[in-house]
Amino acid sequence: MPRVMAPPGPGLLGLFPSMAADRIGGIETSGRLAWQGIADFPGRPGEREGLSPYLFCYERLAEAGSGLGRRYFAHTRSKLRTVMAALDVPNHFLRALVWHIDLLKLLPCFDLSGAKVALFLHGVEAWRSQRWSTRFLLRRVQLFLSNSDFTWQRFLAFNPGFEHTPHITVPLGVDVIDDGPALPPRDPPAILMLGRLSSSEDYKGHREMIQAWPFVLKRIPRAELWIAGDGSLRADLQAMIRSSALDERVRFWGEVSEAQKQDLLAQCSALALPSRGEGFGVVYLEAMRLGRPCLVSTIDAGREVVNPPEAGLAVHPENLSELAQAVCRLVTPGPEWEQWSAQARRRYARYFTAEKFQQRLLSALLEV
């Protein structure tokens, strides 16, 4: 077990899941950026002491803690060792930031008497009736943070007793990687779907996009649907494609590296994720950053990120006709696509850089 190091004084305890660079899910990605912002927070003297950071990470850190800034941390992969390491931390903290609702169970292991606790809500993990132990620990939370208004409202639908607890929406962000002009998409046009193909996440719109693709091909015969990601849902989706004779126009890329993901985003005309339950969607930001408009759903948080028609379009995922029409517009080159591309990049730069996200988070934490 890594040695537990004591922070220089009372400050902020961070309870986070994996910080490993190969964990590219939205919770892990946003968690790394969040902690970098906290660890490197310049602040005024009183603020710096109040946010003196101590990271406690369940599972894995980045390589030797790389990229996490000035930090004090412990981490472990074993539940028993996690509890033992937590009990071994000698310090009292003024604040605690819990990055996943399932990590609330560690709160009793630390000296947090009188401390203010903030919990960040991301999505489906919070959209359920919680077990009694979690409900008890939720009463310890003085401030709820969420990545979107949609996530907060869905949480309240299952946990109405917390509607009067202070809450701040803190939209996420991603790093700036390129300030050059947006590259033109490839020909023939392709629309990209990106994310885990897990049976437990069979709500992201893959089935609906496949069902809509024959209607797309009637108008744009060479259009391609790209599906990047892997998991237990893939076999079902491939069976749908074979039964619809779409093998030549729907391509599976499997699990992709970060470099491959960026290359696919640069080649496609647009990103599609007409989901029924997206709490935010970091992948929208990655697409907008490269000047790629997005197709989102009318019934989840995608609208808050993309703000249709500013940086793309929104349709109900069950309306296959409208879905096909939106795809056709988004992959057709011309003035409308150029306007979407420019607006997507501007919207990303204005609201969703890593720095903007970190500023929002720090401002919220100083409210606790």
Protein backbone atom coordinates (compact mmCIF):
# COMPACT_ATOMS: atom_id res chain seq x y z
CA MET A 1 0.00 0.00 0.00
CA PRO A 2 1.42 3.45 -0.84
CA ARG A 3 2.64 5.43 2.16
CA VAL A 4 0.08 7.89 3.53
CA MET A 5 1.58 11.38 3.64
CA ALA A 6 0.12 14.11 5.81
CA PRO A 7 -0.82 17.41 4.20
CA PRO A 8 0.78 20.56 5.64
CA GLY A 9 -2.35 21.61 7.49
CA PRO A 10 -6.14 21.48 7.50
CA GLY A 11 -7.62 21.87 4.05
CA LEU A 12 -9.51 19.95 1.41
CA LEU A 13 -9.88 16.17 1.31
CA GLY A 14 -10.57 14.82 -2.17
CA LEU A 15 -12.20 11.38 -2.46
CA PHE A 16 -11.83 10.32 -6.08
CA PRO A 17 -12.03 7.14 -8.19
CA SER A 18 -9.20 6.14 -10.53
CA MET A 19 -6.85 8.84 -11.78
CA ALA A 20 -5.05 6.53 -14.23
CA ALA A 21 -4.53 8.03 -17.68
CA ASP A 22 -5.94 4.96 -19.43
CA ARG A 23 -9.33 5.47 -17.76
CA ILE A 24 -11.02 7.74 -20.30
CA GLY A 25 -14.59 7.79 -19.01
CA GLY A 26 -16.18 11.14 -18.26
CA ILE A 27 -15.99 10.73 -14.47
CA GLU A 28 -12.29 9.83 -14.53
CA THR A 29 -11.35 12.46 -17.13
CA SER A 30 -13.17 15.26 -15.34
CA GLY A 31 -11.76 14.05 -12.02
CA ARG A 32 -8.17 14.41 -13.22
CA LEU A 33 -8.84 17.94 -14.47
CA ALA A 34 -10.68 18.85 -11.28
CA TRP A 35 -7.83 17.75 -9.05
CA GLN A 36 -5.19 19.45 -11.20
CA GLY A 37 -7.09 22.71 -10.77
CA ILE A 38 -7.40 22.22 -7.01
CA ALA A 39 -3.78 21.15 -6.51
CA ASP A 40 -2.41 24.11 -8.48
CA PHE A 41 -4.88 26.68 -7.11
CA PRO A 42 -2.93 29.93 -6.55
CA GLY A 43 -5.58 31.79 -4.56
CA ARG A 44 -5.19 34.37 -1.83
CA PRO A 45 -3.55 33.33 1.46
CA GLY A 46 -6.77 32.45 3.29
CA GLU A 47 -8.14 30.59 0.29
CA ARG A 48 -4.92 28.61 -0.25
CA GLU A 49 -4.91 27.25 3.28
CA GLY A 50 -8.60 26.36 3.00
CA LEU A 51 -7.94 24.32 -0.14
CA SER A 52 -4.62 22.73 0.88
CA PRO A 53 -5.21 19.48 -1.03
CA TYR A 54 -5.07 15.87 0.08
CA LEU A 55 -6.09 13.32 -2.56
CA PHE A 56 -7.40 9.93 -1.49
CA CYS A 57 -7.87 7.81 -4.59
CA TYR A 58 -9.64 4.47 -4.73
CA GLU A 59 -8.12 2.24 -7.41
CA ARG A 60 -5.24 3.78 -9.39
CA LEU A 61 -3.45 7.10 -9.60
CA ALA A 62 -1.84 8.44 -12.74
CA GLU A 63 1.69 7.16 -13.21
CA ALA A 64 3.45 8.17 -9.99
CA GLY A 65 0.80 10.82 -9.57
CA SER A 66 1.98 12.55 -12.76
CA GLY A 67 0.05 15.58 -13.89
CA LEU A 68 -1.76 15.99 -10.56
CA GLY A 69 0.15 19.08 -9.52
CA ARG A 70 1.21 19.74 -5.92
CA ARG A 71 -0.53 17.05 -3.94
CA TYR A 72 -0.51 14.68 -1.01
CA PHE A 73 -2.15 11.39 -1.74
CA ALA A 74 -2.86 7.82 -0.80
CA HIS A 75 -4.35 5.21 -3.07
CA THR A 76 -5.25 1.55 -2.98
CA ARG A 77 -7.10 -1.07 -5.05
CA SER A 78 -8.39 -3.17 -2.17
CA LYS A 79 -11.56 -2.30 -0.24
CA LEU A 80 -10.06 -3.45 3.05
CA ARG A 81 -6.81 -1.59 2.44
CA THR A 82 -8.79 1.47 1.42
CA VAL A 83 -10.52 1.56 4.80
CA MET A 84 -7.25 0.90 6.63
CA ALA A 85 -5.47 3.67 4.72
CA ALA A 86 -8.31 6.10 5.35
CA LEU A 87 -8.28 5.38 9.08
CA ASP A 88 -4.51 5.96 9.06
CA VAL A 89 -4.81 9.56 7.81
CA PRO A 90 -4.06 11.69 10.90
CA ASN A 91 -5.35 15.04 9.77
CA HIS A 92 -8.53 16.99 10.36
CA PHE A 93 -10.02 18.60 7.25
CA LEU A 94 -12.08 21.74 6.74
CA ARG A 95 -13.67 20.56 3.49
CA ALA A 96 -14.24 17.35 1.58
CA LEU A 97 -14.99 16.92 -2.12
CA VAL A 98 -16.46 13.52 -3.03
CA TRP A 99 -16.24 12.83 -6.77
CA HIS A 100 -18.58 9.82 -6.89
CA ILE A 101 -21.62 9.05 -4.77
CA ASP A 102 -20.36 5.52 -4.03
CA LEU A 103 -17.33 7.01 -2.22
CA LEU A 104 -19.52 8.62 0.43
CA LYS A 105 -19.11 5.42 2.42
CA LEU A 106 -15.50 6.43 3.17
CA LEU A 107 -16.47 9.66 4.98
CA PRO A 108 -16.72 8.05 8.45
CA CYS A 109 -13.10 6.88 8.13
CA PHE A 110 -11.71 10.45 8.21
CA ASP A 111 -11.66 13.20 10.83
CA LEU A 112 -14.27 15.49 9.29
CA SER A 113 -15.90 16.85 12.42
CA GLY A 114 -17.26 20.27 11.51
CA ALA A 115 -16.04 19.92 7.92
CA LYS A 116 -18.14 20.99 4.94
CA VAL A 117 -18.82 18.19 2.43
CA ALA A 118 -19.49 18.69 -1.28
CA LEU A 119 -20.64 15.83 -3.54
CA PHE A 120 -20.34 15.92 -7.34
CA LEU A 121 -23.17 14.21 -9.22
CA HIS A 122 -22.38 12.97 -12.74
CA GLY A 123 -25.34 10.99 -14.06
CA VAL A 124 -26.81 7.51 -13.91
CA GLU A 125 -24.94 6.59 -10.72
CA ALA A 126 -27.12 9.14 -8.88
CA TRP A 127 -30.39 8.47 -10.71
CA ARG A 128 -31.71 5.72 -8.49
CA SER A 129 -33.13 5.20 -5.05
CA GLN A 130 -30.09 4.90 -2.82
CA ARG A 131 -29.60 2.21 -0.17
CA TRP A 132 -30.22 3.28 3.43
CA SER A 133 -26.51 3.72 4.23
CA THR A 134 -26.03 6.10 1.31
CA ARG A 135 -29.19 8.02 2.19
CA PHE A 136 -27.81 8.47 5.71
CA LEU A 137 -24.47 9.76 4.39
CA LEU A 138 -26.17 12.08 1.90
CA ARG A 139 -27.43 14.03 4.90
CA ARG A 140 -23.77 14.88 5.59
CA VAL A 141 -23.56 16.80 2.29
CA GLN A 142 -23.78 20.60 2.60
CA LEU A 143 -23.38 21.32 -1.12
CA PHE A 144 -24.37 19.29 -4.15
CA LEU A 145 -22.50 19.94 -7.39
CA SER A 146 -23.70 18.56 -10.72
CA ASN A 147 -22.40 18.60 -14.26
CA SER A 148 -25.80 19.72 -15.62
CA ASP A 149 -29.21 20.92 -14.52
CA PHE A 150 -30.60 17.70 -16.01
CA THR A 151 -28.44 15.57 -13.69
CA TRP A 152 -29.62 17.54 -10.66
CA GLN A 153 -33.30 17.26 -11.57
CA ARG A 154 -33.00 13.51 -12.18
CA PHE A 155 -31.26 13.09 -8.81
CA LEU A 156 -34.08 14.97 -7.08
CA ALA A 157 -36.68 12.80 -8.84
CA PHE A 158 -35.28 9.81 -6.93
CA ASN A 159 -34.19 11.73 -3.82
CA PRO A 160 -36.74 14.52 -3.28
CA GLY A 161 -35.70 15.10 0.31
CA PHE A 162 -32.64 17.08 -0.83
CA GLU A 163 -34.37 19.72 -2.92
CA HIS A 164 -33.58 22.43 -0.35
CA THR A 165 -29.90 21.52 0.03
CA PRO A 166 -27.63 24.10 -1.68
CA HIS A 167 -26.73 23.13 -5.24
CA ILE A 168 -24.49 24.57 -7.97
CA THR A 169 -24.28 23.34 -11.57
CA VAL A 170 -20.63 23.09 -12.66
CA PRO A 171 -20.40 22.20 -16.38
CA LEU A 172 -17.30 20.18 -17.26
CA GLY A 173 -14.43 21.08 -19.59
CA VAL A 174 -11.60 19.53 -21.61
CA ASP A 175 -8.06 20.65 -22.40
CA VAL A 176 -7.31 22.91 -25.34
CA ILE A 177 -5.29 20.90 -27.88
CA ASP A 178 -5.25 22.93 -31.11
CA ASP A 179 -5.77 26.58 -31.95
CA GLY A 180 -5.42 26.06 -35.70
CA PRO A 181 -8.27 26.12 -38.20
CA ALA A 182 -10.76 23.25 -38.18
CA LEU A 183 -9.88 20.57 -40.72
CA PRO A 184 -12.45 19.74 -43.41
CA PRO A 185 -14.21 16.38 -42.91
CA ARG A 186 -13.52 13.42 -45.18
CA ASP A 187 -15.49 12.37 -48.24
CA PRO A 188 -17.62 10.25 -48.25
CA PRO A 189 -19.17 11.84 -45.17
CA ALA A 190 -19.25 9.99 -41.85
CA ILE A 191 -20.99 10.60 -38.55
CA LEU A 192 -19.27 9.25 -35.44
CA MET A 193 -20.69 7.62 -32.31
CA LEU A 194 -18.16 7.33 -29.53
CA GLY A 195 -18.43 5.57 -26.16
CA ARG A 196 -18.56 2.26 -24.32
CA LEU A 197 -20.79 -0.40 -25.89
CA SER A 198 -21.98 -1.81 -22.60
CA SER A 199 -25.35 -3.51 -22.26
CA SER A 200 -25.86 -1.45 -19.11
CA GLU A 201 -25.52 1.71 -21.23
CA ASP A 202 -27.93 0.68 -23.98
CA TYR A 203 -29.53 4.12 -23.96
CA LYS A 204 -27.05 6.18 -25.95
CA GLY A 205 -28.87 5.93 -29.29
CA HIS A 206 -26.86 3.28 -31.16
CA ARG A 207 -29.90 1.17 -31.99
CA GLU A 208 -31.89 4.17 -33.14
CA MET A 209 -29.06 5.42 -35.36
CA ILE A 210 -28.76 2.01 -37.02
CA GLN A 211 -32.53 1.88 -37.55
CA ALA A 212 -32.45 5.36 -39.09
CA TRP A 213 -29.52 4.67 -41.40
CA PRO A 214 -31.52 3.21 -44.33
CA PHE A 215 -33.44 6.52 -44.42
CA VAL A 216 -30.13 8.42 -44.46
CA LEU A 217 -28.85 6.31 -47.37
CA LYS A 218 -31.91 7.13 -49.46
CA ARG A 219 -30.75 10.77 -49.49
CA ILE A 220 -26.97 10.32 -49.17
CA PRO A 221 -26.08 6.84 -50.52
CA ARG A 222 -22.39 7.03 -49.54
CA ALA A 223 -22.88 8.25 -45.96
CA GLU A 224 -21.16 6.15 -43.30
CA LEU A 225 -21.96 5.54 -39.64
CA TRP A 226 -18.86 5.00 -37.51
CA ILE A 227 -19.17 3.35 -34.11
CA ALA A 228 -16.08 3.55 -31.87
CA GLY A 229 -15.98 1.65 -28.59
CA ASP A 230 -16.39 -1.92 -27.46
CA GLY A 231 -18.36 -3.98 -24.99
CA SER A 232 -21.16 -6.47 -24.47
CA LEU A 233 -23.62 -4.52 -26.64
CA ARG A 234 -21.51 -4.82 -29.78
CA ALA A 235 -22.76 -8.29 -30.83
CA ASP A 236 -26.40 -7.17 -30.73
CA LEU A 237 -25.63 -4.07 -32.79
CA GLN A 238 -23.69 -6.09 -35.37
CA ALA A 239 -26.63 -8.48 -35.69
CA MET A 240 -28.92 -5.50 -36.37
CA ILE A 241 -26.55 -4.28 -39.07
CA ARG A 242 -26.37 -7.67 -40.79
CA SER A 243 -30.14 -8.09 -40.76
CA SER A 244 -30.54 -4.65 -42.36
CA ALA A 245 -27.78 -5.27 -44.94
CA LEU A 246 -25.84 -2.22 -43.72
CA ASP A 247 -22.43 -3.89 -43.46
CA GLU A 248 -20.87 -1.65 -46.12
CA ARG A 249 -22.08 1.61 -44.58
CA VAL A 250 -21.74 1.00 -40.82
CA ARG A 251 -18.23 0.49 -39.49
CA PHE A 252 -17.12 -0.67 -36.04
CA TRP A 253 -13.74 0.63 -34.91
CA GLY A 254 -13.59 -1.23 -31.61
CA GLU A 255 -11.85 0.26 -28.61
CA VAL A 256 -9.69 3.17 -29.75
CA SER A 257 -6.69 4.95 -28.27
CA GLU A 258 -6.74 8.65 -27.47
CA ALA A 259 -4.82 9.37 -30.69
CA GLN A 260 -7.24 7.27 -32.76
CA LYS A 261 -10.20 9.00 -31.13
CA GLN A 262 -8.87 12.43 -32.07
CA ASP A 263 -8.21 11.24 -35.62
CA LEU A 264 -11.77 9.90 -36.00
CA LEU A 265 -13.22 13.15 -34.65
CA ALA A 266 -11.12 15.12 -37.14
CA GLN A 267 -12.25 12.96 -40.09
CA CYS A 268 -15.96 12.80 -39.33
CA SER A 269 -18.51 15.45 -40.27
CA ALA A 270 -20.35 15.35 -36.94
CA LEU A 271 -20.71 13.49 -33.66
CA ALA A 272 -23.99 11.73 -32.81
CA LEU A 273 -25.15 10.70 -29.36
CA PRO A 274 -28.96 10.90 -29.31
CA SER A 275 -29.11 9.44 -25.83
CA ARG A 276 -32.02 8.95 -23.46
CA GLY A 277 -29.93 9.48 -20.33
CA GLU A 278 -26.70 11.43 -20.79
CA GLY A 279 -25.78 13.39 -17.66
CA PHE A 280 -23.39 15.65 -19.59
CA GLY A 281 -21.31 14.10 -22.38
CA VAL A 282 -17.62 15.07 -22.36
CA VAL A 283 -17.35 13.68 -25.90
CA TYR A 284 -19.51 16.59 -27.12
CA LEU A 285 -16.80 18.96 -25.92
CA GLU A 286 -14.10 16.95 -27.68
CA ALA A 287 -16.06 17.20 -30.92
CA MET A 288 -16.87 20.91 -30.56
CA ARG A 289 -13.21 21.62 -29.79
CA LEU A 290 -12.36 20.37 -33.30
CA GLY A 291 -15.22 22.22 -34.97
CA ARG A 292 -17.53 19.23 -35.27
CA PRO A 293 -21.25 19.86 -34.72
CA CYS A 294 -23.21 17.39 -32.60
CA LEU A 295 -26.49 15.52 -32.83
CA VAL A 296 -28.02 15.28 -29.36
CA SER A 297 -31.28 14.19 -27.79
CA THR A 298 -34.18 16.41 -26.76
CA ILE A 299 -34.60 14.47 -23.51
CA ASP A 300 -31.26 14.61 -21.69
CA ALA A 301 -28.36 16.95 -20.88
CA GLY A 302 -26.94 17.11 -24.40
CA ARG A 303 -29.02 20.20 -25.10
CA GLU A 304 -27.32 22.09 -22.25
CA VAL A 305 -23.91 21.39 -23.76
CA VAL A 306 -24.58 21.90 -27.47
CA ASN A 307 -27.39 24.48 -27.21
CA PRO A 308 -29.08 23.52 -30.51
CA PRO A 309 -29.07 24.93 -33.10
CA GLU A 310 -25.92 26.79 -32.05
CA ALA A 311 -23.49 23.85 -32.25
CA GLY A 312 -25.68 21.13 -33.75
CA LEU A 313 -29.19 19.70 -33.70
CA ALA A 314 -31.44 17.94 -31.19
CA VAL A 315 -34.09 15.31 -31.96
CA HIS A 316 -36.08 12.77 -30.00
CA PRO A 317 -34.19 9.46 -30.43
CA GLU A 318 -37.38 7.51 -31.16
CA ASN A 319 -38.33 9.72 -34.13
CA LEU A 320 -36.36 7.92 -36.84
CA SER A 321 -37.51 10.23 -39.62
CA GLU A 322 -36.28 13.36 -37.80
CA LEU A 323 -33.13 11.53 -36.78
CA ALA A 324 -32.32 10.74 -40.41
CA GLN A 325 -33.10 14.30 -41.51
CA ALA A 326 -30.80 15.72 -38.83
CA VAL A 327 -27.98 13.35 -39.84
CA CYS A 328 -28.31 14.40 -43.47
CA ARG A 329 -28.08 18.08 -42.59
CA LEU A 330 -25.07 17.55 -40.33
CA VAL A 331 -23.03 15.62 -42.90
CA THR A 332 -23.83 17.86 -45.88
CA PRO A 333 -20.97 20.27 -46.69
CA GLY A 334 -21.78 23.89 -47.32
CA PRO A 335 -22.54 27.19 -45.54
CA GLU A 336 -24.77 25.61 -42.87
CA TRP A 337 -22.10 23.09 -41.90
CA GLU A 338 -19.39 25.78 -41.90
CA GLN A 339 -21.50 27.93 -39.58
CA TRP A 340 -22.10 25.04 -37.20
CA SER A 341 -18.40 24.19 -37.20
CA ALA A 342 -17.35 27.74 -36.33
CA GLN A 343 -20.04 28.10 -33.67
CA ALA A 344 -19.11 24.77 -32.10
CA ARG A 345 -15.50 25.88 -31.65
CA ARG A 346 -16.54 29.26 -30.26
CA ARG A 347 -18.95 27.68 -27.80
CA TYR A 348 -16.27 25.28 -26.58
CA ALA A 349 -13.73 28.10 -26.15
CA ARG A 350 -16.23 30.34 -24.36
CA TYR A 351 -17.59 27.83 -21.85
CA PHE A 352 -15.92 24.44 -21.85
CA THR A 353 -12.14 24.65 -21.67
CA ALA A 354 -10.41 22.88 -18.79
CA GLU A 355 -9.52 26.26 -17.30
CA LYS A 356 -13.14 27.47 -17.35
CA PHE A 357 -14.26 24.23 -15.67
CA GLN A 358 -11.57 24.49 -12.99
CA GLN A 359 -12.50 28.10 -12.28
CA ARG A 360 -16.16 27.15 -11.88
CA LEU A 361 -15.31 24.28 -9.56
CA LEU A 362 -12.96 26.31 -7.36
CA SER A 363 -15.50 29.11 -7.10
CA ALA A 364 -18.15 26.61 -6.00
CA LEU A 365 -15.87 24.98 -3.41
CA LEU A 366 -15.06 28.34 -1.86
CA GLU A 367 -18.80 28.77 -1.31
CA VAL A 368 -18.86 25.78 1.04
